[in-house]
PDB file of N, CA and C in Angstrom:
ATOM      1  N   MET A   1      22.510  -4.723 -15.111  1.00  0.00           N
ATOM      2  CA  MET A   1      21.150  -4.285 -14.900  1.00  0.00           C
ATOM      3  C   MET A   1      20.377  -4.259 -16.225  1.00  0.00           C
ATOM      4  N   ILE A   2      21.057  -3.905 -17.290  1.00  0.00           N
ATOM      5  CA  ILE A   2      20.417  -3.837 -18.605  1.00  0.00           C
ATOM      6  C   ILE A   2      19.887  -5.206 -19.020  1.00  0.00           C
ATOM      7  N   GLU A   3      20.646  -6.264 -18.687  1.00  0.00           N
ATOM      8  CA  GLU A   3      20.209  -7.610 -19.061  1.00  0.00           C
ATOM      9  C   GLU A   3      18.895  -7.979 -18.387  1.00  0.00           C
ATOM     10  N   ILE A   4      18.755  -7.620 -17.113  1.00  0.00           N
ATOM     11  CA  ILE A   4      17.515  -7.930 -16.403  1.00  0.00           C
ATOM     12  C   ILE A   4      16.363  -7.116 -16.975  1.00  0.00           C
ATOM     13  N   LYS A   5      16.615  -5.865 -17.322  1.00  0.00           N
ATOM     14  CA  LYS A   5      15.569  -5.039 -17.943  1.00  0.00           C
ATOM     15  C   LYS A   5      15.055  -5.686 -19.226  1.00  0.00           C
ATOM     16  N   LYS A   6      15.967  -6.232 -20.018  1.00  0.00           N
ATOM     17  CA  LYS A   6      15.562  -6.901 -21.255  1.00  0.00           C
ATOM     18  C   LYS A   6      14.681  -8.117 -20.960  1.00  0.00           C
ATOM     19  N   ILE A   7      15.063  -8.887 -19.965  1.00  0.00           N
ATOM     20  CA  ILE A   7      14.278 -10.062 -19.579  1.00  0.00           C
ATOM     21  C   ILE A   7      12.886  -9.627 -19.121  1.00  0.00           C
ATOM     22  N   ILE A   8      12.830  -8.560 -18.335  1.00  0.00           N
ATOM     23  CA  ILE A   8      11.546  -8.067 -17.832  1.00  0.00           C
ATOM     24  C   ILE A   8      10.661  -7.595 -18.984  1.00  0.00           C
ATOM     25  N   GLU A   9      11.231  -6.929 -19.956  1.00  0.00           N
ATOM     26  CA  GLU A   9      10.436  -6.469 -21.102  1.00  0.00           C
ATOM     27  C   GLU A   9       9.892  -7.643 -21.916  1.00  0.00           C
ATOM     28  N   ILE A  10      10.697  -8.668 -22.101  1.00  0.00           N
ATOM     29  CA  ILE A  10      10.224  -9.874 -22.801  1.00  0.00           C
ATOM     30  C   ILE A  10       9.093 -10.514 -22.003  1.00  0.00           C
ATOM     31  N   LEU A  11       9.290 -10.610 -20.713  1.00  0.00           N
ATOM     32  CA  LEU A  11       8.285 -11.185 -19.831  1.00  0.00           C
ATOM     33  C   LEU A  11       6.971 -10.405 -19.915  1.00  0.00           C
ATOM     34  N   LYS A  12       7.041  -9.096 -19.814  1.00  0.00           N
ATOM     35  CA  LYS A  12       5.829  -8.280 -19.876  1.00  0.00           C
ATOM     36  C   LYS A  12       5.093  -8.443 -21.204  1.00  0.00           C
ATOM     37  N   ALA A  13       5.838  -8.620 -22.278  1.00  0.00           N
ATOM     38  CA  ALA A  13       5.210  -8.813 -23.589  1.00  0.00           C
ATOM     39  C   ALA A  13       4.450 -10.141 -23.654  1.00  0.00           C
ATOM     40  N   LYS A  14       4.860 -11.117 -22.860  1.00  0.00           N
ATOM     41  CA  LYS A  14       4.194 -12.422 -22.855  1.00  0.00           C
ATOM     42  C   LYS A  14       2.877 -12.379 -22.075  1.00  0.00           C
ATOM     43  N   ILE A  15       2.741 -11.418 -21.187  1.00  0.00           N
ATOM     44  CA  ILE A  15       1.544 -11.331 -20.352  1.00  0.00           C
ATOM     45  C   ILE A  15       0.549 -10.383 -21.010  1.00  0.00           C
ATOM     46  N   THR A  16      -0.523 -10.952 -21.515  1.00  0.00           N
ATOM     47  CA  THR A  16      -1.541 -10.175 -22.218  1.00  0.00           C
ATOM     48  C   THR A  16      -2.849 -10.210 -21.424  1.00  0.00           C
ATOM     49  N   ILE A  17      -3.812  -9.496 -21.911  1.00  0.00           N
ATOM     50  CA  ILE A  17      -5.129  -9.455 -21.279  1.00  0.00           C
ATOM     51  C   ILE A  17      -5.759 -10.846 -21.209  1.00  0.00           C
ATOM     52  N   ASP A  18      -5.369 -11.732 -22.110  1.00  0.00           N
ATOM     53  CA  ASP A  18      -5.915 -13.091 -22.164  1.00  0.00           C
ATOM     54  C   ASP A  18      -5.107 -14.111 -21.359  1.00  0.00           C
ATOM     55  N   THR A  19      -4.064 -13.667 -20.685  1.00  0.00           N
ATOM     56  CA  THR A  19      -3.212 -14.587 -19.933  1.00  0.00           C
ATOM     57  C   THR A  19      -4.004 -15.271 -18.818  1.00  0.00           C
ATOM     58  N   ASP A  20      -3.905 -16.587 -18.784  1.00  0.00           N
ATOM     59  CA  ASP A  20      -4.576 -17.393 -17.764  1.00  0.00           C
ATOM     60  C   ASP A  20      -3.692 -17.416 -16.515  1.00  0.00           C
ATOM     61  N   LEU A  21      -4.234 -16.948 -15.401  1.00  0.00           N
ATOM     62  CA  LEU A  21      -3.485 -16.877 -14.143  1.00  0.00           C
ATOM     63  C   LEU A  21      -4.058 -17.824 -13.085  1.00  0.00           C
ATOM     64  N   MET A  22      -4.744 -18.870 -13.532  1.00  0.00           N
ATOM     65  CA  MET A  22      -5.470 -19.747 -12.630  1.00  0.00           C
ATOM     66  C   MET A  22      -4.623 -20.242 -11.451  1.00  0.00           C
ATOM     67  N   TRP A  23      -3.401 -20.622 -11.662  1.00  0.00           N
ATOM     68  CA  TRP A  23      -2.583 -21.238 -10.623  1.00  0.00           C
ATOM     69  C   TRP A  23      -1.706 -20.225  -9.898  1.00  0.00           C
ATOM     70  N   THR A  24      -2.100 -18.964  -9.919  1.00  0.00           N
ATOM     71  CA  THR A  24      -1.346 -17.923  -9.221  1.00  0.00           C
ATOM     72  C   THR A  24      -2.272 -17.192  -8.259  1.00  0.00           C
ATOM     73  N   HIS A  25      -1.702 -16.297  -7.490  1.00  0.00           N
ATOM     74  CA  HIS A  25      -2.514 -15.488  -6.579  1.00  0.00           C
ATOM     75  C   HIS A  25      -2.972 -14.172  -7.214  1.00  0.00           C
ATOM     76  N   TYR A  26      -2.633 -13.962  -8.461  1.00  0.00           N
ATOM     77  CA  TYR A  26      -3.030 -12.726  -9.144  1.00  0.00           C
ATOM     78  C   TYR A  26      -4.458 -12.839  -9.655  1.00  0.00           C
ATOM     79  N   ASN A  27      -5.194 -11.739  -9.536  1.00  0.00           N
ATOM     80  CA  ASN A  27      -6.582 -11.711  -9.987  1.00  0.00           C
ATOM     81  C   ASN A  27      -6.725 -11.297 -11.443  1.00  0.00           C
ATOM     82  N   SER A  28      -5.698 -10.655 -11.983  1.00  0.00           N
ATOM     83  CA  SER A  28      -5.766 -10.197 -13.374  1.00  0.00           C
ATOM     84  C   SER A  28      -4.358  -9.990 -13.912  1.00  0.00           C
ATOM     85  N   PRO A  29      -4.213 -10.031 -15.243  1.00  0.00           N
ATOM     86  CA  PRO A  29      -2.914  -9.727 -15.843  1.00  0.00           C
ATOM     87  C   PRO A  29      -2.451  -8.308 -15.491  1.00  0.00           C
ATOM     88  N   GLU A  30      -3.399  -7.388 -15.384  1.00  0.00           N
ATOM     89  CA  GLU A  30      -3.040  -6.003 -15.043  1.00  0.00           C
ATOM     90  C   GLU A  30      -2.400  -5.923 -13.657  1.00  0.00           C
ATOM     91  N   GLU A  31      -2.909  -6.720 -12.725  1.00  0.00           N
ATOM     92  CA  GLU A  31      -2.343  -6.749 -11.373  1.00  0.00           C
ATOM     93  C   GLU A  31      -0.898  -7.258 -11.406  1.00  0.00           C
ATOM     94  N   LEU A  32      -0.669  -8.298 -12.177  1.00  0.00           N
ATOM     95  CA  LEU A  32       0.685  -8.841 -12.306  1.00  0.00           C
ATOM     96  C   LEU A  32       1.613  -7.822 -12.956  1.00  0.00           C
ATOM     97  N   ILE A  33       1.180  -7.199 -14.036  1.00  0.00           N
ATOM     98  CA  ILE A  33       2.002  -6.194 -14.719  1.00  0.00           C
ATOM     99  C   ILE A  33       2.307  -5.024 -13.787  1.00  0.00           C
ATOM    100  N   ALA A  34       1.322  -4.594 -13.001  1.00  0.00           N
ATOM    101  CA  ALA A  34       1.541  -3.490 -12.059  1.00  0.00           C
ATOM    102  C   ALA A  34       2.619  -3.863 -11.041  1.00  0.00           C
ATOM    103  N   GLU A  35       2.600  -5.102 -10.559  1.00  0.00           N
ATOM    104  CA  GLU A  35       3.606  -5.537  -9.594  1.00  0.00           C
ATOM    105  C   GLU A  35       4.984  -5.652 -10.259  1.00  0.00           C
ATOM    106  N   ILE A  36       5.014  -6.114 -11.489  1.00  0.00           N
ATOM    107  CA  ILE A  36       6.274  -6.166 -12.233  1.00  0.00           C
ATOM    108  C   ILE A  36       6.824  -4.759 -12.418  1.00  0.00           C
ATOM    109  N   ASN A  37       5.962  -3.823 -12.797  1.00  0.00           N
ATOM    110  CA  ASN A  37       6.405  -2.441 -13.003  1.00  0.00           C
ATOM    111  C   ASN A  37       6.934  -1.816 -11.715  1.00  0.00           C
ATOM    112  N   LEU A  38       6.221  -2.025 -10.613  1.00  0.00           N
ATOM    113  CA  LEU A  38       6.661  -1.489  -9.328  1.00  0.00           C
ATOM    114  C   LEU A  38       8.036  -2.026  -8.952  1.00  0.00           C
ATOM    115  N   ASN A  39       8.219  -3.315  -9.116  1.00  0.00           N
ATOM    116  CA  ASN A  39       9.495  -3.925  -8.747  1.00  0.00           C
ATOM    117  C   ASN A  39      10.599  -3.589  -9.742  1.00  0.00           C
ATOM    118  N   SER A  40      10.245  -3.283 -10.972  1.00  0.00           N
ATOM    119  CA  SER A  40      11.238  -2.807 -11.947  1.00  0.00           C
ATOM    120  C   SER A  40      11.797  -1.459 -11.501  1.00  0.00           C
ATOM    121  N   ILE A  41      10.922  -0.610 -10.982  1.00  0.00           N
ATOM    122  CA  ILE A  41      11.362   0.695 -10.468  1.00  0.00           C
ATOM    123  C   ILE A  41      12.287   0.494  -9.270  1.00  0.00           C
ATOM    124  N   LEU A  42      11.906  -0.394  -8.365  1.00  0.00           N
ATOM    125  CA  LEU A  42      12.766  -0.688  -7.215  1.00  0.00           C
ATOM    126  C   LEU A  42      14.124  -1.196  -7.677  1.00  0.00           C
ATOM    127  N   LEU A  43      14.125  -2.046  -8.671  1.00  0.00           N
ATOM    128  CA  LEU A  43      15.364  -2.592  -9.223  1.00  0.00           C
ATOM    129  C   LEU A  43      16.244  -1.475  -9.784  1.00  0.00           C
ATOM    130  N   GLU A  44      15.649  -0.562 -10.535  1.00  0.00           N
ATOM    131  CA  GLU A  44      16.395   0.560 -11.093  1.00  0.00           C
ATOM    132  C   GLU A  44      16.985   1.448  -9.997  1.00  0.00           C
ATOM    133  N   GLU A  45      16.291   1.520  -8.857  1.00  0.00           N
ATOM    134  CA  GLU A  45      16.768   2.312  -7.726  1.00  0.00           C
ATOM    135  C   GLU A  45      17.765   1.531  -6.870  1.00  0.00           C
ATOM    136  N   LYS A  46      18.140   0.353  -7.349  1.00  0.00           N
ATOM    137  CA  LYS A  46      19.062  -0.551  -6.657  1.00  0.00           C
ATOM    138  C   LYS A  46      18.530  -0.974  -5.295  1.00  0.00           C
ATOM    139  N   ASN A  47      17.209  -1.107  -5.231  1.00  0.00           N
ATOM    140  CA  ASN A  47      16.551  -1.602  -4.041  1.00  0.00           C
ATOM    141  C   ASN A  47      16.466  -3.117  -4.161  1.00  0.00           C
ATOM    142  N   ARG A  48      17.026  -3.802  -3.214  1.00  0.00           N
ATOM    143  CA  ARG A  48      17.119  -5.256  -3.269  1.00  0.00           C
ATOM    144  C   ARG A  48      15.749  -5.937  -3.305  1.00  0.00           C
ATOM    145  N   GLU A  49      14.708  -5.278  -2.783  1.00  0.00           N
ATOM    146  CA  GLU A  49      13.371  -5.870  -2.805  1.00  0.00           C
ATOM    147  C   GLU A  49      12.919  -6.157  -4.241  1.00  0.00           C
ATOM    148  N   GLY A  50      13.279  -5.295  -5.171  1.00  0.00           N
ATOM    149  CA  GLY A  50      12.932  -5.520  -6.569  1.00  0.00           C
ATOM    150  C   GLY A  50      13.599  -6.765  -7.112  1.00  0.00           C
ATOM    151  N   LEU A  51      14.872  -6.923  -6.813  1.00  0.00           N
ATOM    152  CA  LEU A  51      15.602  -8.100  -7.276  1.00  0.00           C
ATOM    153  C   LEU A  51      15.046  -9.364  -6.635  1.00  0.00           C
ATOM    154  N   ASP A  52      14.734  -9.292  -5.337  1.00  0.00           N
ATOM    155  CA  ASP A  52      14.157 -10.449  -4.642  1.00  0.00           C
ATOM    156  C   ASP A  52      12.824 -10.859  -5.252  1.00  0.00           C
ATOM    157  N   PHE A  53      12.003  -9.874  -5.625  1.00  0.00           N
ATOM    158  CA  PHE A  53      10.714 -10.164  -6.255  1.00  0.00           C
ATOM    159  C   PHE A  53      10.918 -10.980  -7.529  1.00  0.00           C
ATOM    160  N   PHE A  54      11.841 -10.538  -8.379  1.00  0.00           N
ATOM    161  CA  PHE A  54      12.052 -11.251  -9.640  1.00  0.00           C
ATOM    162  C   PHE A  54      12.676 -12.621  -9.409  1.00  0.00           C
ATOM    163  N   GLN A  55      13.518 -12.742  -8.407  1.00  0.00           N
ATOM    164  CA  GLN A  55      14.078 -14.046  -8.100  1.00  0.00           C
ATOM    165  C   GLN A  55      12.952 -15.017  -7.717  1.00  0.00           C
ATOM    166  N   LEU A  56      12.033 -14.570  -6.868  1.00  0.00           N
ATOM    167  CA  LEU A  56      10.896 -15.417  -6.487  1.00  0.00           C
ATOM    168  C   LEU A  56      10.014 -15.738  -7.685  1.00  0.00           C
ATOM    169  N   LEU A  57       9.806 -14.757  -8.534  1.00  0.00           N
ATOM    170  CA  LEU A  57       8.971 -14.951  -9.711  1.00  0.00           C
ATOM    171  C   LEU A  57       9.543 -16.039 -10.624  1.00  0.00           C
ATOM    172  N   PHE A  58      10.869 -16.107 -10.715  1.00  0.00           N
ATOM    173  CA  PHE A  58      11.528 -17.063 -11.604  1.00  0.00           C
ATOM    174  C   PHE A  58      11.857 -18.404 -10.949  1.00  0.00           C
ATOM    175  N   PHE A  59      11.568 -18.569  -9.672  1.00  0.00           N
ATOM    176  CA  PHE A  59      11.843 -19.856  -9.019  1.00  0.00           C
ATOM    177  C   PHE A  59      11.145 -20.997  -9.756  1.00  0.00           C
ATOM    178  N   PRO A  60      11.782 -22.175  -9.784  1.00  0.00           N
ATOM    179  CA  PRO A  60      11.123 -23.353 -10.362  1.00  0.00           C
ATOM    180  C   PRO A  60       9.805 -23.613  -9.630  1.00  0.00           C
ATOM    181  N   THR A  61       8.805 -23.975 -10.365  1.00  0.00           N
ATOM    182  CA  THR A  61       7.429 -24.186  -9.893  1.00  0.00           C
ATOM    183  C   THR A  61       6.828 -22.921  -9.282  1.00  0.00           C
ATOM    184  N   GLY A  62       7.410 -21.791  -9.597  1.00  0.00           N
ATOM    185  CA  GLY A  62       6.896 -20.520  -9.114  1.00  0.00           C
ATOM    186  C   GLY A  62       5.867 -19.933 -10.061  1.00  0.00           C
ATOM    187  N   THR A  63       5.516 -18.715  -9.782  1.00  0.00           N
ATOM    188  CA  THR A  63       4.455 -18.028 -10.522  1.00  0.00           C
ATOM    189  C   THR A  63       4.684 -18.032 -12.024  1.00  0.00           C
ATOM    190  N   LEU A  64       5.871 -17.637 -12.452  1.00  0.00           N
ATOM    191  CA  LEU A  64       6.108 -17.554 -13.902  1.00  0.00           C
ATOM    192  C   LEU A  64       6.077 -18.905 -14.578  1.00  0.00           C
ATOM    193  N   GLN A  65       6.613 -19.905 -13.933  1.00  0.00           N
ATOM    194  CA  GLN A  65       6.581 -21.223 -14.558  1.00  0.00           C
ATOM    195  C   GLN A  65       5.138 -21.701 -14.712  1.00  0.00           C
ATOM    196  N   GLU A  66       4.332 -21.482 -13.683  1.00  0.00           N
ATOM    197  CA  GLU A  66       2.918 -21.867 -13.764  1.00  0.00           C
ATOM    198  C   GLU A  66       2.209 -21.119 -14.895  1.00  0.00           C
ATOM    199  N   ILE A  67       2.455 -19.821 -14.981  1.00  0.00           N
ATOM    200  CA  ILE A  67       1.837 -19.010 -16.032  1.00  0.00           C
ATOM    201  C   ILE A  67       2.295 -19.488 -17.410  1.00  0.00           C
ATOM    202  N   SER A  68       3.582 -19.744 -17.547  1.00  0.00           N
ATOM    203  CA  SER A  68       4.101 -20.146 -18.856  1.00  0.00           C
ATOM    204  C   SER A  68       3.538 -21.485 -19.303  1.00  0.00           C
ATOM    205  N   ILE A  69       3.412 -22.421 -18.374  1.00  0.00           N
ATOM    206  CA  ILE A  69       2.850 -23.730 -18.723  1.00  0.00           C
ATOM    207  C   ILE A  69       1.392 -23.576 -19.128  1.00  0.00           C
ATOM    208  N   GLN A  70       0.632 -22.833 -18.341  1.00  0.00           N
ATOM    209  CA  GLN A  70      -0.792 -22.647 -18.593  1.00  0.00           C
ATOM    210  C   GLN A  70      -1.066 -21.924 -19.913  1.00  0.00           C
ATOM    211  N   ASN A  71      -0.094 -21.111 -20.344  1.00  0.00           N
ATOM    212  CA  ASN A  71      -0.319 -20.259 -21.513  1.00  0.00           C
ATOM    213  C   ASN A  71       0.536 -20.619 -22.726  1.00  0.00           C
ATOM    214  N   GLY A  72       1.226 -21.764 -22.663  1.00  0.00           N
ATOM    215  CA  GLY A  72       1.903 -22.290 -23.836  1.00  0.00           C
ATOM    216  C   GLY A  72       3.253 -21.683 -24.177  1.00  0.00           C
ATOM    217  N   TRP A  73       3.952 -21.099 -23.198  1.00  0.00           N
ATOM    218  CA  TRP A  73       5.283 -20.573 -23.505  1.00  0.00           C
ATOM    219  C   TRP A  73       6.335 -21.047 -22.489  1.00  0.00           C
ATOM    220  N   SER A  74       6.195 -22.302 -22.067  1.00  0.00           N
ATOM    221  CA  SER A  74       7.103 -22.851 -21.052  1.00  0.00           C
ATOM    222  C   SER A  74       8.542 -22.977 -21.545  1.00  0.00           C
ATOM    223  N   VAL A  75       8.737 -23.273 -22.822  1.00  0.00           N
ATOM    224  CA  VAL A  75      10.106 -23.380 -23.355  1.00  0.00           C
ATOM    225  C   VAL A  75      10.790 -22.013 -23.277  1.00  0.00           C
ATOM    226  N   GLU A  76      10.077 -20.974 -23.656  1.00  0.00           N
ATOM    227  CA  GLU A  76      10.650 -19.629 -23.571  1.00  0.00           C
ATOM    228  C   GLU A  76      10.894 -19.234 -22.117  1.00  0.00           C
ATOM    229  N   TYR A  77       9.986 -19.634 -21.227  1.00  0.00           N
ATOM    230  CA  TYR A  77      10.193 -19.362 -19.800  1.00  0.00           C
ATOM    231  C   TYR A  77      11.508 -19.970 -19.327  1.00  0.00           C
ATOM    232  N   LEU A  78      11.763 -21.217 -19.690  1.00  0.00           N
ATOM    233  CA  LEU A  78      12.999 -21.880 -19.250  1.00  0.00           C
ATOM    234  C   LEU A  78      14.235 -21.119 -19.717  1.00  0.00           C
ATOM    235  N   LYS A  79      14.189 -20.591 -20.921  1.00  0.00           N
ATOM    236  CA  LYS A  79      15.312 -19.794 -21.429  1.00  0.00           C
ATOM    237  C   LYS A  79      15.456 -18.496 -20.645  1.00  0.00           C
ATOM    238  N   LEU A  80      14.331 -17.817 -20.385  1.00  0.00           N
ATOM    239  CA  LEU A  80      14.371 -16.572 -19.621  1.00  0.00           C
ATOM    240  C   LEU A  80      14.868 -16.819 -18.196  1.00  0.00           C
ATOM    241  N   ALA A  81      14.392 -17.889 -17.584  1.00  0.00           N
ATOM    242  CA  ALA A  81      14.799 -18.218 -16.218  1.00  0.00           C
ATOM    243  C   ALA A  81      16.294 -18.531 -16.160  1.00  0.00           C
ATOM    244  N   ALA A  82      16.789 -19.263 -17.127  1.00  0.00           N
ATOM    245  CA  ALA A  82      18.220 -19.583 -17.166  1.00  0.00           C
ATOM    246  C   ALA A  82      19.045 -18.304 -17.349  1.00  0.00           C
ATOM    247  N   GLU A  83      18.568 -17.422 -18.204  1.00  0.00           N
ATOM    248  CA  GLU A  83      19.257 -16.152 -18.416  1.00  0.00           C
ATOM    249  C   GLU A  83      19.234 -15.311 -17.140  1.00  0.00           C
ATOM    250  N   PHE A  84      18.068 -15.244 -16.484  1.00  0.00           N
ATOM    251  CA  PHE A  84      17.961 -14.509 -15.230  1.00  0.00           C
ATOM    252  C   PHE A  84      18.923 -15.090 -14.199  1.00  0.00           C
ATOM    253  N   ASP A  85      18.916 -16.403 -14.036  1.00  0.00           N
ATOM    254  CA  ASP A  85      19.794 -17.051 -13.062  1.00  0.00           C
ATOM    255  C   ASP A  85      21.264 -16.760 -13.334  1.00  0.00           C
ATOM    256  N   SER A  86      21.632 -16.688 -14.608  1.00  0.00           N
ATOM    257  CA  SER A  86      23.042 -16.474 -14.953  1.00  0.00           C
ATOM    258  C   SER A  86      23.522 -15.064 -14.628  1.00  0.00           C
ATOM    259  N   ILE A  87      22.616 -14.098 -14.556  1.00  0.00           N
ATOM    260  CA  ILE A  87      23.046 -12.719 -14.253  1.00  0.00           C
ATOM    261  C   ILE A  87      22.627 -12.259 -12.863  1.00  0.00           C
ATOM    262  N   TYR A  88      21.834 -13.060 -12.166  1.00  0.00           N
ATOM    263  CA  TYR A  88      21.340 -12.671 -10.842  1.00  0.00           C
ATOM    264  C   TYR A  88      22.492 -12.299  -9.898  1.00  0.00           C
ATOM    265  N   GLU A  89      23.461 -13.171  -9.777  1.00  0.00           N
ATOM    266  CA  GLU A  89      24.549 -12.942  -8.814  1.00  0.00           C
ATOM    267  C   GLU A  89      25.313 -11.656  -9.126  1.00  0.00           C
ATOM    268  N   LYS A  90      25.541 -11.395 -10.411  1.00  0.00           N
ATOM    269  CA  LYS A  90      26.241 -10.177 -10.802  1.00  0.00           C
ATOM    270  C   LYS A  90      25.464  -8.932 -10.362  1.00  0.00           C
ATOM    271  N   VAL A  91      24.177  -8.947 -10.604  1.00  0.00           N
ATOM    272  CA  VAL A  91      23.326  -7.810 -10.222  1.00  0.00           C
ATOM    273  C   VAL A  91      23.257  -7.687  -8.706  1.00  0.00           C
ATOM    274  N   TYR A  92      23.158  -8.814  -8.023  1.00  0.00           N
ATOM    275  CA  TYR A  92      23.122  -8.821  -6.562  1.00  0.00           C
ATOM    276  C   TYR A  92      24.388  -8.158  -6.008  1.00  0.00           C
ATOM    277  N   GLN A  93      25.528  -8.520  -6.561  1.00  0.00           N
ATOM    278  CA  GLN A  93      26.799  -7.928  -6.097  1.00  0.00           C
ATOM    279  C   GLN A  93      26.852  -6.427  -6.374  1.00  0.00           C
ATOM    280  N   LEU A  94      26.323  -5.992  -7.518  1.00  0.00           N
ATOM    281  CA  LEU A  94      26.287  -4.556  -7.823  1.00  0.00           C
ATOM    282  C   LEU A  94      25.440  -3.796  -6.808  1.00  0.00           C
ATOM    283  N   MET A  95      24.372  -4.398  -6.364  1.00  0.00           N
ATOM    284  CA  MET A  95      23.482  -3.761  -5.396  1.00  0.00           C
ATOM    285  C   MET A  95      24.116  -3.651  -4.017  1.00  0.00           C
ATOM    286  N   LYS A  96      25.005  -4.581  -3.706  1.00  0.00           N
ATOM    287  CA  LYS A  96      25.684  -4.544  -2.415  1.00  0.00           C
ATOM    288  C   LYS A  96      26.744  -3.453  -2.368  1.00  0.00           C
ATOM    289  N   ALA A  97      27.261  -3.097  -3.533  1.00  0.00           N
ATOM    290  CA  ALA A  97      28.375  -2.125  -3.579  1.00  0.00           C
ATOM    291  C   ALA A  97      27.917  -0.714  -3.236  1.00  0.00           C
TER     292      ALA A  97
END
């Protein structure tokens, strides 16, 4: 769980007031951060909805990839997504227990 928290904190630091969200359904960076924060709480409570949210966020051609390309941090996104994918199953299994 700690590994995902670290990824989420890095992700949140990349999203600033100037973040371009043109190719997403979010109206503002604050809206995206609020949804990330809400799902982080769900994740900490071992609620699978939080984990599912982040899995969708990291899907190829998903919201985060679009944001990263539009805002010049796509290489870092690929690293974060690979890291998320590598620990997803472990966290998923912990939530089932």
